[in-house]
C-alpha atoms as a PDB file:
ATOM      1  CA  MET A   1      93.015 113.234  92.335  1.00  0.00           C
ATOM      2  CA  PRO A   2      95.071 112.220  95.442  1.00  0.00           C
ATOM      3  CA  SER A   3      91.300 111.849  97.223  1.00  0.00           C
ATOM      4  CA  GLN A   4      90.492 109.139  94.520  1.00  0.00           C
ATOM      5  CA  LEU A   5      93.920 107.151  95.211  1.00  0.00           C
ATOM      6  CA  ALA A   6      92.938 107.240  98.556  1.00  0.00           C
ATOM      7  CA  ARG A   7      89.605 105.765  98.241  1.00  0.00           C
ATOM      8  CA  LEU A   8      91.132 102.825  95.874  1.00  0.00           C
ATOM      9  CA  LEU A   9      93.652 102.192  98.382  1.00  0.00           C
ATOM     10  CA  GLU A  10      90.562 101.896 101.137  1.00  0.00           C
ATOM     11  CA  ALA A  11      88.760  99.277  98.632  1.00  0.00           C
ATOM     12  CA  HIS A  12      91.874  97.495  97.968  1.00  0.00           C
ATOM     13  CA  GLU A  13      92.481  97.291 102.224  1.00  0.00           C
ATOM     14  CA  ILE A  14      88.894  96.275 102.528  1.00  0.00           C
ATOM     15  CA  ILE A  15      89.094  93.417 100.108  1.00  0.00           C
ATOM     16  CA  LEU A  16      92.352  92.410 101.436  1.00  0.00           C
ATOM     17  CA  ARG A  17      91.005  92.303 105.146  1.00  0.00           C
ATOM     18  CA  ALA A  18      87.878  89.860 103.777  1.00  0.00           C
ATOM     19  CA  ALA A  19      90.414  87.660 101.703  1.00  0.00           C
ATOM     20  CA  HIS A  20      92.669  87.293 104.712  1.00  0.00           C
ATOM     21  CA  GLU A  21      89.375  86.442 106.729  1.00  0.00           C
ATOM     22  CA  GLY A  22      88.250  84.458 103.899  1.00  0.00           C
ATOM     23  CA  ALA A  23      91.355  82.665 103.723  1.00  0.00           C
ATOM     24  CA  GLN A  24      91.916  81.929 107.576  1.00  0.00           C
ATOM     25  CA  ALA A  25      88.487  80.358 107.758  1.00  0.00           C
ATOM     26  CA  ALA A  26      89.144  78.129 104.554  1.00  0.00           C
ATOM     27  CA  ASP A  27      92.137  76.878 106.264  1.00  0.00           C
ATOM     28  CA  GLU A  28      90.836  76.124 109.281  1.00  0.00           C
ATOM     29  CA  ALA A  29      87.854  74.286 107.738  1.00  0.00           C
ATOM     30  CA  GLY A  30      90.440  72.094 105.477  1.00  0.00           C
ATOM     31  CA  ASP A  31      89.539  73.860 102.084  1.00  0.00           C
ATOM     32  CA  ASP A  32      92.799  73.798 100.717  1.00  0.00           C
ATOM     33  CA  GLY A  33      91.474  74.774  97.268  1.00  0.00           C
ATOM     34  CA  THR A  34      89.875  78.090  98.457  1.00  0.00           C
ATOM     35  CA  ASN A  35      92.537  79.001 100.584  1.00  0.00           C
ATOM     36  CA  ASP A  36      94.845  78.901  97.527  1.00  0.00           C
ATOM     37  CA  LEU A  37      92.539  80.483  95.534  1.00  0.00           C
ATOM     38  CA  LEU A  38      92.209  83.946  98.023  1.00  0.00           C
ATOM     39  CA  VAL A  39      95.925  83.551  98.554  1.00  0.00           C
ATOM     40  CA  SER A  40      97.501  83.150  95.442  1.00  0.00           C
ATOM     41  CA  ASP A  41      94.821  85.393  92.995  1.00  0.00           C
ATOM     42  CA  ILE A  42      93.502  87.984  95.556  1.00  0.00           C
ATOM     43  CA  ILE A  43      95.892  88.739  98.073  1.00  0.00           C
ATOM     44  CA  ARG A  44      99.248  87.985  96.250  1.00  0.00           C
ATOM     45  CA  THR A  45      97.439  90.737  93.610  1.00  0.00           C
ATOM     46  CA  ASN A  46      96.418  93.336  96.127  1.00  0.00           C
ATOM     47  CA  GLU A  47      99.150  93.687  98.194  1.00  0.00           C
ATOM     48  CA  PRO A  48     101.374  95.089  95.827  1.00  0.00           C
ATOM     49  CA  GLN A  49      98.416  97.483  94.863  1.00  0.00           C
ATOM     50  CA  VAL A  50      98.162  98.572  98.464  1.00  0.00           C
ATOM     51  CA  TRP A  51     101.939  99.241  99.076  1.00  0.00           C
ATOM     52  CA  PHE A  52     102.490 101.044  95.466  1.00  0.00           C
ATOM     53  CA  LEU A  53      99.225 103.391  96.173  1.00  0.00           C
ATOM     54  CA  ALA A  54     100.335 103.834  99.937  1.00  0.00           C
ATOM     55  CA  GLU A  55     103.859 104.976  98.864  1.00  0.00           C
ATOM     56  CA  HIS A  56     102.466 107.386  96.095  1.00  0.00           C
ATOM     57  CA  LEU A  57     100.009 109.052  98.319  1.00  0.00           C
ATOM     58  CA  ALA A  58     102.329 109.065 101.820  1.00  0.00           C
ATOM     59  CA  ALA A  59     103.859 112.798 100.417  1.00  0.00           C
ATOM     60  CA  THR A  60     100.084 113.685 101.005  1.00  0.00           C
ATOM     61  CA  ASP A  61      98.002 114.894 103.831  1.00  0.00           C
ATOM     62  CA  LEU A  62      95.346 111.900 103.135  1.00  0.00           C
ATOM     63  CA  LEU A  63      97.500 108.932 104.894  1.00  0.00           C
ATOM     64  CA  PRO A  64      99.261 109.691 108.733  1.00  0.00           C
ATOM     65  CA  PRO A  65     102.538 109.532 108.496  1.00  0.00           C
ATOM     66  CA  LYS A  66     104.422 106.252 108.848  1.00  0.00           C
END
């Protein structure tokens, strides 16, 4: 089970990296609608999930120590 959670954490981190890059590109292009969509619907939704999963896995050997 912890290995499945570690893979889920990795997937959320991949999504967040892509969303941050997309939000930055949209901001630079002046596309406020896309930037807002990425920040409010993707980033703000996935960041708490990453935190929760990372905290849950912190006591296992699957994550490096903080």
